[in-house]
Amino acid sequence: MAKFIFVTGGVTSSLGKGIIAASLAKLLQARGLRVTIQKFDPYINVDPGTLNPYEHGECYVTEDGAETDLDLGHYERFLNIYTSQANNVTTGRIYQTVINKERAGDFLGKTVQVVPHITDEIKRRMLLLGQDDKYDIVLTEIGGTVGDIESLPFIEAVRQLQWELPEEDLMVIHLTLIPYLKAAKELKTKPTQHSVKMLSETGVHPDILVCRTEEPLSNEIKRKIALFCNVKQEAVIEAMDASTIYEVPLEMLREKLDLICLKKMNITNYGEPNLDKWKGFLDKLKYPRSKVTIGLIGKYIELQDAYKSILESFVHAGAMNEVKVQVVNVHSEFITNENVAEKLQGFDGLLVAPGFGHRGIEGKIIAVKYARERGLPFFGICLGMQMAVIEYGRDILGLKEAHSVEMDPNTIHPVINMMEEQKKIKMMGGTMRLGAYPCEITPGTLAHRIYGETHISERHRHRYEFNNDYLDQYLAAGMVASGKNPETGLVEIIELPNHPFFIGVQYHPELKSTVERPAPLFVGFIDAAKKYNDQKSSLKATAPKDAVI
């Protein structure tokens, strides 16, 4: 069986448990160990699929179609491996499983209780990934903050596992905060002491403390934390704020977090960490040769986590092109025909983001038209692709009432229609087209040049599709359906060949972008934006001083 590392958090939420877990996993992987990460979320939703992005950030979709927490995106981006349904478990899924067993009579008339029945199911899920000799180490992130009522069953399950498993097979890392009081000009350790005390009261004692801080921790402060939290001083890890999350693995390497874990778990068969590719990526990221500005046209821009995978894909693609990508959020709800030029001027490319519902739709359509008419590089994802289809139908095909049945069920030109397989479905959760599906690309198209192959697989999350009843009209008017699902004929990719860069995709390429394998569409889009920017700079350099560019 694999060895298990649990990561808990205290003092405050959003400290970065997922980043610390992913960074440690990256270091262990770089030393030659087989590693995976899983996330246990305390909310009662079965999965985040029905949650508004404002509630919990983006919903990340895995290859096998699981709708999961956004931290699984970090796991995949850092480790360059796929996760699955088994890597994300919620309280709702735990209770659903136990209640189904009770209804089936599996408990033989016993009273079903949190302990042992709920905690037994939690433990079963915690150990599941480590039972088939596929991994050496399984890291488990416990969502929420120590002290939350909803997190208690998960903490209790960890306590029981500490008692059941050999000491060297399990360890606990507690992530906490050391706040800096500017008025007093000193770091305060008391919140961390209280957090560790609260965790210890549940019967779980941390082996390592990772301390988030804005200022360096002196040896004196580390000694104080170690003394009052009952850990070794070497196990007090400084986690300074970093300029990018991709620096955190190197920070943890300097703090020897991986070596401390390996020593505690009595693992000796490891090598020196091979992080050459990671360091090469960071060099390109930190020292770009040029800069582009991308307008992200979205509906949930108030919360950055709503578009987390898209933003990280821009980071990967920017490093690949040795370009700094500055993303400027533009709320589609406030784009009108009168102000579109003012709001979108100065951009080197537009990405129209995915989403659901009618709010902000007309603003997205106006933004698409602006990019199409001005030769501005355009990239539409899922709903963004559908808005490009609607805009082209209205303005080029003359279908003034063209729309999606999602927003207008009674439209006379449903150029975007509900998929046949979705029409009889009444339940909302987990019922969309989810996970990886194949796509065949037409040779000689922009999509073919970007991917360099004609058969690809990308992840989906949608209910609506291009209405093939209108396909011939679009093809005759110059739009190209350059990618289709080989089994259903679903249009996966649309593009305009008479435009410098205009492409929309029904799937979500951002979900497969990693540090080592940036999403090809993002790489191509940033390359096009760079060329657009270079062209603008060239025109400005040669134009008369009073000319308007």
Protein backbone atom coordinates (compact mmCIF):
# COMPACT_ATOMS: atom_id res chain seq x y z
CA MET A 1 0.00 0.00 0.00
CA ALA A 2 1.07 3.57 -0.65
CA LYS A 3 2.02 6.03 2.08
CA PHE A 4 -0.36 8.91 2.85
CA ILE A 5 0.18 12.63 3.46
CA PHE A 6 -2.74 14.76 4.64
CA VAL A 7 -2.78 18.55 4.22
CA THR A 8 -5.07 20.57 6.51
CA GLY A 9 -5.50 24.31 6.92
CA GLY A 10 -6.05 26.71 9.78
CA VAL A 11 -6.57 30.36 10.74
CA THR A 12 -8.19 31.37 7.44
CA SER A 13 -9.34 29.93 4.15
CA SER A 14 -7.64 30.54 0.78
CA LEU A 15 -4.14 30.07 2.22
CA GLY A 16 -3.16 27.79 -0.65
CA LYS A 17 -3.47 24.20 0.61
CA GLY A 18 -3.87 23.04 -2.98
CA ILE A 19 -0.72 24.84 -4.13
CA ILE A 20 1.33 23.49 -1.22
CA ALA A 21 0.03 19.96 -1.84
CA ALA A 22 0.72 20.24 -5.58
CA SER A 23 4.19 21.69 -4.94
CA LEU A 24 5.15 18.90 -2.54
CA ALA A 25 3.79 16.33 -4.98
CA LYS A 26 5.86 17.92 -7.76
CA LEU A 27 9.04 17.63 -5.70
CA LEU A 28 8.37 14.01 -4.79
CA GLN A 29 7.57 13.23 -8.44
CA ALA A 30 10.79 14.96 -9.51
CA ARG A 31 12.69 12.59 -7.21
CA GLY A 32 11.26 9.60 -9.08
CA LEU A 33 8.31 8.69 -6.86
CA ARG A 34 4.83 7.88 -8.17
CA VAL A 35 2.49 10.47 -6.69
CA THR A 36 -1.16 11.53 -6.92
CA ILE A 37 -3.32 14.05 -5.04
CA GLN A 38 -6.96 13.99 -3.98
CA LYS A 39 -9.28 16.62 -2.53
CA PHE A 40 -11.96 16.11 0.12
CA ASP A 41 -14.48 18.95 0.17
CA PRO A 42 -16.81 19.45 3.16
CA TYR A 43 -19.82 20.89 1.32
CA ILE A 44 -22.97 18.79 0.90
CA ASN A 45 -23.26 19.27 -2.87
CA VAL A 46 -22.45 15.95 -4.54
CA ASP A 47 -20.07 17.87 -6.79
CA PRO A 48 -19.53 21.55 -7.75
CA GLY A 49 -21.29 21.09 -11.10
CA THR A 50 -24.42 23.00 -10.09
CA LEU A 51 -22.60 25.71 -8.13
CA ASN A 52 -22.48 29.28 -9.41
CA PRO A 53 -18.84 30.24 -10.18
CA TYR A 54 -19.17 33.04 -7.63
CA GLU A 55 -19.75 30.37 -4.96
CA HIS A 56 -16.75 28.13 -5.51
CA GLY A 57 -14.78 29.32 -8.52
CA GLU A 58 -14.63 27.31 -11.73
CA CYS A 59 -15.83 23.74 -12.04
CA TYR A 60 -12.89 21.66 -13.26
CA VAL A 61 -13.71 18.67 -15.49
CA THR A 62 -11.49 15.57 -15.66
CA GLU A 63 -10.90 13.18 -18.57
CA ASP A 64 -13.51 10.74 -17.24
CA GLY A 65 -16.15 13.47 -16.95
CA ALA A 66 -16.04 14.23 -13.24
CA GLU A 67 -17.07 17.76 -12.25
CA THR A 68 -14.60 18.63 -9.53
CA ASP A 69 -13.02 21.31 -7.38
CA LEU A 70 -10.68 23.75 -9.13
CA ASP A 71 -7.73 22.48 -7.06
CA LEU A 72 -7.66 19.39 -9.25
CA GLY A 73 -6.66 21.74 -12.05
CA HIS A 74 -3.61 22.75 -10.01
CA TYR A 75 -2.79 19.09 -9.43
CA GLU A 76 -2.85 18.32 -13.15
CA ARG A 77 -0.97 21.49 -14.15
CA PHE A 78 1.83 20.77 -11.67
CA LEU A 79 2.13 16.99 -12.07
CA ASN A 80 1.29 16.72 -15.78
CA ILE A 81 -0.92 13.68 -15.04
CA TYR A 82 -4.67 13.14 -15.26
CA THR A 83 -6.94 13.00 -12.23
CA SER A 84 -10.34 11.31 -12.11
CA GLN A 85 -13.61 10.93 -10.24
CA ALA A 86 -11.72 9.22 -7.42
CA ASN A 87 -9.55 12.30 -6.80
CA ASN A 88 -12.38 14.55 -5.56
CA VAL A 89 -14.85 13.55 -2.86
CA THR A 90 -17.47 15.72 -1.14
CA THR A 91 -19.53 15.31 2.01
CA GLY A 92 -22.56 14.99 -0.27
CA ARG A 93 -21.03 12.05 -2.12
CA ILE A 94 -20.08 10.37 1.18
CA TYR A 95 -23.57 10.70 2.65
CA GLN A 96 -25.20 9.68 -0.64
CA THR A 97 -23.18 6.44 -0.66
CA VAL A 98 -23.92 5.63 2.98
CA ILE A 99 -27.66 6.37 2.64
CA ASN A 100 -27.87 4.22 -0.50
CA LYS A 101 -26.26 1.36 1.43
CA GLU A 102 -28.70 1.86 4.30
CA ARG A 103 -31.67 1.75 1.90
CA ALA A 104 -30.29 -1.45 0.41
CA GLY A 105 -30.09 -3.04 3.88
CA ASP A 106 -26.31 -3.30 3.93
CA PHE A 107 -26.06 -2.36 7.61
CA LEU A 108 -28.33 -5.20 8.77
CA GLY A 109 -30.64 -3.06 10.88
CA LYS A 110 -27.93 -1.15 12.72
CA THR A 111 -28.34 2.52 13.60
CA VAL A 112 -26.39 4.48 10.98
CA GLN A 113 -24.19 7.13 12.59
CA VAL A 114 -21.42 9.60 11.71
CA VAL A 115 -19.04 7.33 13.63
CA PRO A 116 -18.42 4.68 12.44
CA HIS A 117 -20.43 4.62 9.19
CA ILE A 118 -19.65 8.06 7.72
CA THR A 119 -16.03 8.01 8.88
CA ASP A 120 -15.59 4.46 7.57
CA GLU A 121 -16.73 5.57 4.11
CA ILE A 122 -14.40 8.58 4.28
CA LYS A 123 -11.47 6.33 5.21
CA ARG A 124 -12.32 3.92 2.40
CA ARG A 125 -12.20 6.78 -0.09
CA MET A 126 -9.00 8.17 1.42
CA LEU A 127 -7.21 4.84 1.01
CA LEU A 128 -8.73 3.89 -2.36
CA LEU A 129 -6.05 5.39 -4.62
CA GLY A 130 -3.25 3.74 -2.64
CA GLN A 131 -4.43 0.14 -2.85
CA ASP A 132 -3.46 -1.01 -6.35
CA ASP A 133 0.31 -0.42 -6.22
CA LYS A 134 -0.05 2.39 -8.76
CA TYR A 135 1.32 5.09 -6.45
CA ASP A 136 4.04 5.35 -3.83
CA ILE A 137 2.50 8.38 -2.12
CA VAL A 138 -1.06 9.72 -2.03
CA LEU A 139 -1.49 13.32 -0.89
CA THR A 140 -4.92 14.29 0.43
CA GLU A 141 -6.05 17.88 0.80
CA ILE A 142 -8.80 18.39 3.39
CA GLY A 143 -10.96 21.33 2.30
CA GLY A 144 -12.11 24.05 4.65
CA THR A 145 -10.45 25.22 7.86
CA VAL A 146 -9.82 23.35 11.10
CA GLY A 147 -12.66 24.23 13.45
CA ASP A 148 -15.36 24.21 10.77
CA ILE A 149 -18.25 21.98 11.81
CA GLU A 150 -18.55 20.42 8.37
CA SER A 151 -14.86 19.40 8.34
CA LEU A 152 -15.00 17.43 11.58
CA PRO A 153 -15.86 13.99 10.08
CA PHE A 154 -12.85 14.26 7.75
CA ILE A 155 -10.52 15.22 10.60
CA GLU A 156 -11.92 12.36 12.68
CA ALA A 157 -11.23 9.96 9.80
CA VAL A 158 -7.61 11.16 9.69
CA ARG A 159 -7.36 10.63 13.48
CA GLN A 160 -8.56 7.06 13.11
CA LEU A 161 -6.11 6.40 10.27
CA GLN A 162 -3.25 7.75 12.40
CA TRP A 163 -4.17 5.07 14.93
CA GLU A 164 -4.76 2.27 12.37
CA LEU A 165 -1.79 2.69 10.00
CA PRO A 166 1.92 2.23 10.82
CA GLU A 167 3.49 5.46 12.00
CA GLU A 168 5.77 5.80 8.97
CA ASP A 169 2.85 5.33 6.54
CA LEU A 170 0.95 8.52 7.41
CA MET A 171 1.81 12.11 8.18
CA VAL A 172 -0.07 15.39 8.55
CA ILE A 173 0.97 18.80 7.21
CA HIS A 174 -0.87 21.79 8.66
CA LEU A 175 -0.91 25.01 6.65
CA THR A 176 -1.34 28.11 8.74
CA LEU A 177 -0.85 31.88 8.72
CA ILE A 178 1.72 34.05 10.47
CA PRO A 179 0.25 37.55 10.10
CA TYR A 180 2.48 40.63 9.98
CA LEU A 181 1.22 43.65 11.92
CA LYS A 182 2.57 46.73 10.19
CA ALA A 183 1.78 49.00 13.13
CA ALA A 184 3.83 46.83 15.50
CA LYS A 185 6.29 45.82 12.77
CA GLU A 186 6.32 42.23 13.89
CA LEU A 187 5.06 38.77 12.96
CA LYS A 188 2.47 37.19 15.26
CA THR A 189 2.51 33.46 16.01
CA LYS A 190 -0.56 33.29 18.27
CA PRO A 191 -3.07 32.48 15.45
CA THR A 192 -0.91 29.52 14.46
CA GLN A 193 -0.66 28.35 18.07
CA HIS A 194 -4.46 28.45 18.41
CA SER A 195 -4.92 26.65 15.09
CA VAL A 196 -2.58 23.81 16.09
CA LYS A 197 -4.24 23.62 19.50
CA MET A 198 -7.65 23.30 17.84
CA LEU A 199 -6.36 20.56 15.53
CA SER A 200 -4.73 18.73 18.44
CA GLU A 201 -8.01 18.82 20.39
CA THR A 202 -9.53 16.63 17.65
CA GLY A 203 -6.81 14.06 18.27
CA VAL A 204 -4.79 14.90 15.17
CA HIS A 205 -1.29 16.25 15.67
CA PRO A 206 0.62 17.80 12.75
CA ASP A 207 4.07 16.54 11.81
CA ILE A 208 4.93 19.64 9.77
CA LEU A 209 3.75 23.26 9.90
CA VAL A 210 3.84 25.24 6.68
CA CYS A 211 3.57 28.91 7.61
CA ARG A 212 2.26 31.42 5.06
CA THR A 213 3.88 34.79 5.67
CA GLU A 214 4.58 38.14 4.04
CA GLU A 215 7.90 38.53 5.88
CA PRO A 216 10.76 36.03 6.44
CA LEU A 217 10.60 33.86 9.55
CA SER A 218 13.67 34.23 11.73
CA ASN A 219 15.16 31.24 13.51
CA GLU A 220 13.86 32.73 16.74
CA ILE A 221 10.28 32.78 15.45
CA LYS A 222 10.62 29.26 14.05
CA ARG A 223 11.92 28.07 17.42
CA LYS A 224 8.99 29.74 19.18
CA ILE A 225 6.45 28.13 16.85
CA ALA A 226 8.12 24.74 17.25
CA LEU A 227 8.18 25.02 21.03
CA PHE A 228 4.55 26.04 21.50
CA CYS A 229 3.15 23.82 18.72
CA ASN A 230 5.14 20.75 19.74
CA VAL A 231 6.95 20.07 16.46
CA LYS A 232 10.64 19.95 15.56
CA GLN A 233 12.12 23.29 14.48
CA GLU A 234 13.15 21.80 11.13
CA ALA A 235 9.45 20.98 10.57
CA VAL A 236 8.45 24.66 10.67
CA ILE A 237 8.43 25.59 6.98
CA GLU A 238 8.46 29.16 5.75
CA ALA A 239 6.09 29.81 2.83
CA MET A 240 6.69 33.38 1.71
CA ASP A 241 4.30 35.03 -0.74
CA ALA A 242 5.56 34.32 -4.26
CA SER A 243 5.21 36.32 -7.47
CA THR A 244 3.73 33.24 -9.15
CA ILE A 245 2.38 29.93 -7.87
CA TYR A 246 4.94 28.16 -10.07
CA GLU A 247 7.77 29.40 -7.81
CA VAL A 248 6.32 27.61 -4.78
CA PRO A 249 7.85 24.16 -5.57
CA LEU A 250 11.32 25.75 -5.64
CA GLU A 251 10.59 27.57 -2.37
CA MET A 252 9.53 24.29 -0.76
CA LEU A 253 12.66 22.64 -2.17
CA ARG A 254 14.82 25.28 -0.45
CA GLU A 255 12.92 24.67 2.79
CA LYS A 256 13.52 20.89 2.36
CA LEU A 257 9.83 20.07 2.76
CA ASP A 258 10.15 16.99 0.55
CA LEU A 259 13.20 15.64 2.42
CA ILE A 260 11.49 16.05 5.80
CA CYS A 261 8.51 14.09 4.51
CA LEU A 262 10.68 11.34 3.04
CA LYS A 263 12.60 11.02 6.31
CA LYS A 264 9.40 10.84 8.38
CA MET A 265 7.93 8.16 6.10
CA ASN A 266 11.20 6.20 6.05
CA ILE A 267 11.51 6.34 2.25
CA THR A 268 15.08 5.95 1.04
CA ASN A 269 14.81 4.93 -2.64
CA TYR A 270 14.73 8.38 -4.23
CA GLY A 271 17.05 10.46 -6.38
CA GLU A 272 17.97 14.10 -6.79
CA PRO A 273 15.03 16.21 -8.03
CA ASN A 274 14.96 16.75 -11.80
CA LEU A 275 13.34 20.16 -12.24
CA ASP A 276 15.13 21.31 -15.39
CA LYS A 277 11.94 21.72 -17.43
CA TRP A 278 10.24 23.51 -14.55
CA LYS A 279 13.12 25.94 -14.14
CA GLY A 280 13.23 26.52 -17.90
CA PHE A 281 9.54 27.38 -17.85
CA LEU A 282 10.06 29.80 -14.94
CA ASP A 283 12.93 31.54 -16.74
CA LYS A 284 10.72 32.21 -19.76
CA LEU A 285 7.87 33.29 -17.50
CA LYS A 286 9.97 35.75 -15.48
CA TYR A 287 12.02 37.16 -18.35
CA PRO A 288 9.68 37.63 -21.35
CA ARG A 289 10.89 39.34 -24.52
CA SER A 290 7.66 41.19 -25.24
CA LYS A 291 4.14 41.80 -23.96
CA VAL A 292 0.58 41.38 -25.26
CA THR A 293 -2.72 42.52 -23.76
CA ILE A 294 -5.70 40.19 -23.99
CA GLY A 295 -9.28 41.21 -23.29
CA LEU A 296 -11.16 38.47 -21.42
CA ILE A 297 -14.87 39.01 -22.13
CA GLY A 298 -16.74 37.28 -19.33
CA LYS A 299 -19.66 37.31 -16.91
CA TYR A 300 -17.93 36.32 -13.66
CA ILE A 301 -14.91 38.62 -13.74
CA GLU A 302 -15.36 39.77 -10.13
CA LEU A 303 -13.94 36.42 -9.00
CA GLN A 304 -10.63 35.44 -10.62
CA ASP A 305 -11.09 31.78 -9.69
CA ALA A 306 -14.14 31.63 -12.00
CA TYR A 307 -11.72 31.53 -14.96
CA LYS A 308 -8.76 29.92 -13.20
CA SER A 309 -7.83 27.38 -15.89
CA ILE A 310 -8.07 30.01 -18.63
CA LEU A 311 -5.79 32.39 -16.75
CA GLU A 312 -3.25 29.64 -16.07
CA SER A 313 -3.38 28.57 -19.73
CA PHE A 314 -2.39 32.11 -20.65
CA VAL A 315 0.59 31.79 -18.30
CA HIS A 316 1.68 28.54 -19.98
CA ALA A 317 1.16 29.89 -23.50
CA GLY A 318 2.89 33.16 -22.66
CA ALA A 319 5.99 31.37 -21.44
CA MET A 320 6.01 29.18 -24.55
CA ASN A 321 5.96 32.32 -26.72
CA GLU A 322 8.33 34.20 -24.35
CA VAL A 323 5.63 36.83 -23.98
CA LYS A 324 4.14 38.42 -20.89
CA VAL A 325 0.37 38.07 -21.18
CA GLN A 326 -1.58 40.82 -19.46
CA VAL A 327 -5.22 39.79 -19.13
CA VAL A 328 -7.76 42.59 -18.76
CA ASN A 329 -11.23 41.55 -17.61
CA VAL A 330 -14.17 43.15 -19.43
CA HIS A 331 -17.68 42.53 -18.12
CA SER A 332 -19.83 41.55 -21.09
CA GLU A 333 -22.98 42.87 -19.40
CA PHE A 334 -21.75 46.44 -19.87
CA ILE A 335 -20.61 46.24 -23.52
CA THR A 336 -22.91 48.07 -25.95
CA ASN A 337 -22.73 49.11 -29.59
CA GLU A 338 -22.05 52.65 -28.41
CA ASN A 339 -19.11 51.92 -26.09
CA VAL A 340 -17.56 48.76 -27.61
CA ALA A 341 -14.69 50.60 -29.34
CA GLU A 342 -13.84 52.46 -26.15
CA LYS A 343 -13.91 49.31 -23.98
CA LEU A 344 -11.97 47.06 -26.36
CA GLN A 345 -9.42 49.41 -27.86
CA GLY A 346 -5.78 48.64 -27.19
CA PHE A 347 -6.18 44.87 -26.98
CA ASP A 348 -4.03 42.48 -29.00
CA GLY A 349 -6.64 39.72 -28.83
CA LEU A 350 -10.08 38.90 -27.44
CA LEU A 351 -11.12 35.73 -25.63
CA VAL A 352 -14.85 35.30 -25.13
CA ALA A 353 -15.20 33.04 -22.12
CA PRO A 354 -17.58 30.17 -21.35
CA GLY A 355 -20.64 30.55 -19.14
CA PHE A 356 -24.34 29.86 -18.71
CA GLY A 357 -27.53 31.90 -18.88
CA HIS A 358 -28.71 34.98 -20.76
CA ARG A 359 -26.99 37.69 -18.69
CA GLY A 360 -24.28 39.51 -20.66
CA ILE A 361 -24.95 37.58 -23.88
CA GLU A 362 -25.53 40.58 -26.17
CA GLY A 363 -22.29 42.16 -24.95
CA LYS A 364 -20.39 39.02 -25.95
CA ILE A 365 -21.98 39.06 -29.40
CA ILE A 366 -21.00 42.72 -29.87
CA ALA A 367 -17.43 41.93 -28.80
CA VAL A 368 -17.24 39.08 -31.35
CA LYS A 369 -18.36 41.43 -34.12
CA TYR A 370 -15.76 43.99 -33.09
CA ALA A 371 -12.96 41.40 -33.34
CA ARG A 372 -14.24 39.95 -36.61
CA GLU A 373 -14.56 43.28 -38.41
CA ARG A 374 -11.23 44.69 -37.23
CA GLY A 375 -9.04 41.65 -37.83
CA LEU A 376 -8.37 41.39 -34.09
CA PRO A 377 -7.30 37.86 -33.01
CA PHE A 378 -10.36 36.13 -31.57
CA PHE A 379 -10.72 32.97 -29.50
CA GLY A 380 -14.12 31.71 -28.31
CA ILE A 381 -14.51 28.86 -25.82
CA CYS A 382 -17.80 26.91 -25.48
CA LEU A 383 -20.37 29.71 -25.05
CA GLY A 384 -17.83 32.02 -26.71
CA MET A 385 -17.86 29.81 -29.82
CA GLN A 386 -21.68 29.80 -29.78
CA MET A 387 -21.74 33.61 -29.62
CA ALA A 388 -19.48 33.72 -32.69
CA VAL A 389 -21.96 31.49 -34.54
CA ILE A 390 -24.90 33.71 -33.52
CA GLU A 391 -23.08 36.91 -34.50
CA TYR A 392 -22.14 35.52 -37.92
CA GLY A 393 -25.68 34.29 -38.49
CA ARG A 394 -27.18 37.67 -37.69
CA ASP A 395 -24.70 39.89 -39.50
CA ILE A 396 -23.51 37.80 -42.46
CA LEU A 397 -26.31 35.30 -43.13
CA GLY A 398 -29.03 37.88 -42.44
CA LEU A 399 -30.71 35.71 -39.78
CA LYS A 400 -31.63 38.66 -37.56
CA GLU A 401 -33.39 36.45 -35.01
CA ALA A 402 -30.53 33.95 -34.78
CA HIS A 403 -30.02 32.84 -31.18
CA SER A 404 -29.47 29.94 -28.83
CA VAL A 405 -32.47 28.11 -27.41
CA GLU A 406 -30.75 28.39 -24.03
CA MET A 407 -31.45 32.13 -24.02
CA ASP A 408 -34.49 32.25 -26.32
CA PRO A 409 -36.44 28.96 -26.46
CA ASN A 410 -38.82 30.43 -29.06
CA THR A 411 -36.27 31.83 -31.52
CA ILE A 412 -37.19 31.22 -35.17
CA HIS A 413 -33.52 30.62 -36.01
CA PRO A 414 -32.09 28.29 -33.34
CA VAL A 415 -28.56 28.20 -34.72
CA ILE A 416 -27.50 26.87 -31.32
CA ASN A 417 -29.78 24.08 -30.15
CA MET A 418 -29.96 21.65 -27.26
CA MET A 419 -28.22 18.33 -27.92
CA GLU A 420 -30.67 15.49 -28.61
CA GLU A 421 -29.28 13.43 -25.73
CA GLN A 422 -30.02 16.32 -23.34
CA LYS A 423 -33.67 16.98 -24.25
CA LYS A 424 -35.19 14.30 -22.01
CA ILE A 425 -32.96 15.00 -19.02
CA LYS A 426 -34.63 16.73 -16.07
CA MET A 427 -31.91 16.51 -13.41
CA MET A 428 -29.23 19.21 -13.44
CA GLY A 429 -26.24 17.64 -11.69
CA GLY A 430 -23.76 15.61 -13.72
CA THR A 431 -26.01 15.41 -16.80
CA MET A 432 -24.16 17.56 -19.34
CA ARG A 433 -21.83 16.24 -22.04
CA LEU A 434 -18.81 15.79 -19.79
CA GLY A 435 -15.22 14.64 -20.18
CA ALA A 436 -12.97 13.78 -23.11
CA TYR A 437 -14.39 13.22 -26.61
CA PRO A 438 -12.60 12.78 -29.95
CA CYS A 439 -12.50 15.40 -32.68
CA GLU A 440 -11.46 15.07 -36.32
CA ILE A 441 -9.79 18.14 -37.82
CA THR A 442 -9.93 19.09 -41.49
CA PRO A 443 -6.44 19.16 -43.03
CA GLY A 444 -5.14 22.56 -44.14
CA THR A 445 -7.25 24.57 -41.68
CA LEU A 446 -6.09 26.90 -38.92
CA ALA A 447 -7.00 24.25 -36.34
CA HIS A 448 -4.83 21.73 -38.22
CA ARG A 449 -1.87 24.13 -38.25
CA ILE A 450 -2.29 24.75 -34.52
CA TYR A 451 -2.59 21.12 -33.44
CA GLY A 452 -0.34 19.61 -36.11
CA GLU A 453 -2.60 16.56 -36.34
CA THR A 454 -6.07 15.58 -37.53
CA HIS A 455 -7.23 13.46 -34.57
CA ILE A 456 -7.40 15.05 -31.13
CA SER A 457 -9.27 14.59 -27.85
CA GLU A 458 -10.53 17.46 -25.69
CA ARG A 459 -12.76 17.83 -22.63
CA HIS A 460 -16.36 19.04 -22.78
CA ARG A 461 -18.94 20.56 -20.47
CA HIS A 462 -22.06 21.71 -22.31
CA ARG A 463 -25.70 21.01 -23.18
CA TYR A 464 -26.04 23.02 -26.38
CA GLU A 465 -24.46 22.62 -29.81
CA PHE A 466 -24.17 24.10 -33.27
CA ASN A 467 -27.43 23.30 -35.09
CA ASN A 468 -26.36 21.30 -38.15
CA ASP A 469 -29.62 22.24 -39.93
CA TYR A 470 -27.89 25.58 -40.60
CA LEU A 471 -24.45 24.18 -41.40
CA ASP A 472 -24.71 24.45 -45.20
CA GLN A 473 -25.72 28.13 -44.93
CA TYR A 474 -22.71 28.91 -42.77
CA LEU A 475 -20.33 27.03 -45.04
CA ALA A 476 -21.68 28.86 -48.08
CA ALA A 477 -21.15 32.18 -46.29
CA GLY A 478 -17.48 31.48 -45.58
CA MET A 479 -17.40 30.00 -42.08
CA VAL A 480 -15.47 26.73 -41.84
CA ALA A 481 -16.42 23.85 -39.55
CA SER A 482 -12.85 22.63 -39.17
CA GLY A 483 -13.43 20.11 -36.40
CA LYS A 484 -16.23 17.59 -35.85
CA ASN A 485 -16.98 14.68 -33.57
CA PRO A 486 -16.53 11.58 -35.77
CA GLU A 487 -19.52 9.76 -34.26
CA THR A 488 -22.18 12.43 -33.84
CA GLY A 489 -21.18 15.06 -36.41
CA LEU A 490 -21.17 17.68 -33.62
CA VAL A 491 -19.34 20.78 -34.80
CA GLU A 492 -16.41 21.16 -32.42
CA ILE A 493 -14.40 23.94 -34.12
CA ILE A 494 -15.41 26.90 -36.30
CA GLU A 495 -13.04 29.37 -37.94
CA LEU A 496 -12.89 32.14 -40.55
CA PRO A 497 -10.14 31.61 -43.13
CA ASN A 498 -10.22 35.24 -44.34
CA HIS A 499 -9.33 36.51 -40.86
CA PRO A 500 -5.81 36.68 -39.29
CA PHE A 501 -6.94 34.51 -36.35
CA PHE A 502 -10.60 33.74 -35.66
CA ILE A 503 -11.45 30.43 -34.03
CA GLY A 504 -14.10 29.09 -31.68
CA VAL A 505 -14.28 25.69 -30.01
CA GLN A 506 -17.16 23.90 -28.31
CA TYR A 507 -14.83 22.14 -25.88
CA HIS A 508 -12.60 23.49 -23.10
CA PRO A 509 -8.92 23.39 -24.13
CA GLU A 510 -7.89 25.20 -20.95
CA LEU A 511 -8.64 22.06 -18.92
CA LYS A 512 -5.69 20.14 -20.40
CA SER A 513 -3.07 22.90 -20.38
CA THR A 514 -0.07 22.17 -18.14
CA VAL A 515 3.37 23.64 -17.56
CA GLU A 516 4.97 20.92 -19.67
CA ARG A 517 2.15 20.68 -22.26
CA PRO A 518 0.58 24.11 -22.90
CA ALA A 519 -2.76 23.97 -24.73
CA PRO A 520 -2.01 24.36 -28.48
CA LEU A 521 -4.94 26.73 -29.05
CA PHE A 522 -3.70 29.12 -26.36
CA VAL A 523 -0.17 28.96 -27.74
CA GLY A 524 -1.47 29.75 -31.23
CA PHE A 525 -3.73 32.54 -29.96
CA ILE A 526 -0.90 34.26 -28.08
CA ASP A 527 1.37 33.90 -31.11
CA ALA A 528 -1.32 35.63 -33.21
CA ALA A 529 -1.71 38.37 -30.59
CA LYS A 530 2.05 38.89 -30.59
CA LYS A 531 2.07 39.29 -34.40
CA TYR A 532 -0.85 41.70 -34.15
CA ASN A 533 1.02 43.74 -31.54
CA ASP A 534 4.19 43.74 -33.65
CA GLN A 535 2.18 44.97 -36.62
CA LYS A 536 0.67 47.78 -34.55
CA SER A 537 4.11 48.79 -33.31
CA SER A 538 5.47 48.78 -36.85
CA LEU A 539 2.64 50.99 -38.09
CA LYS A 540 3.13 53.43 -35.23
CA ALA A 541 6.86 53.62 -35.94
CA THR A 542 6.34 54.52 -39.62
CA ALA A 543 3.19 56.66 -39.36
CA PRO A 544 3.25 60.47 -39.29
CA LYS A 545 3.18 61.95 -35.79
CA ASP A 546 -0.39 63.23 -36.15
CA ALA A 547 -1.79 59.98 -37.61
CA VAL A 548 -4.42 57.99 -35.71
CA ILE A 549 -3.59 54.25 -35.55
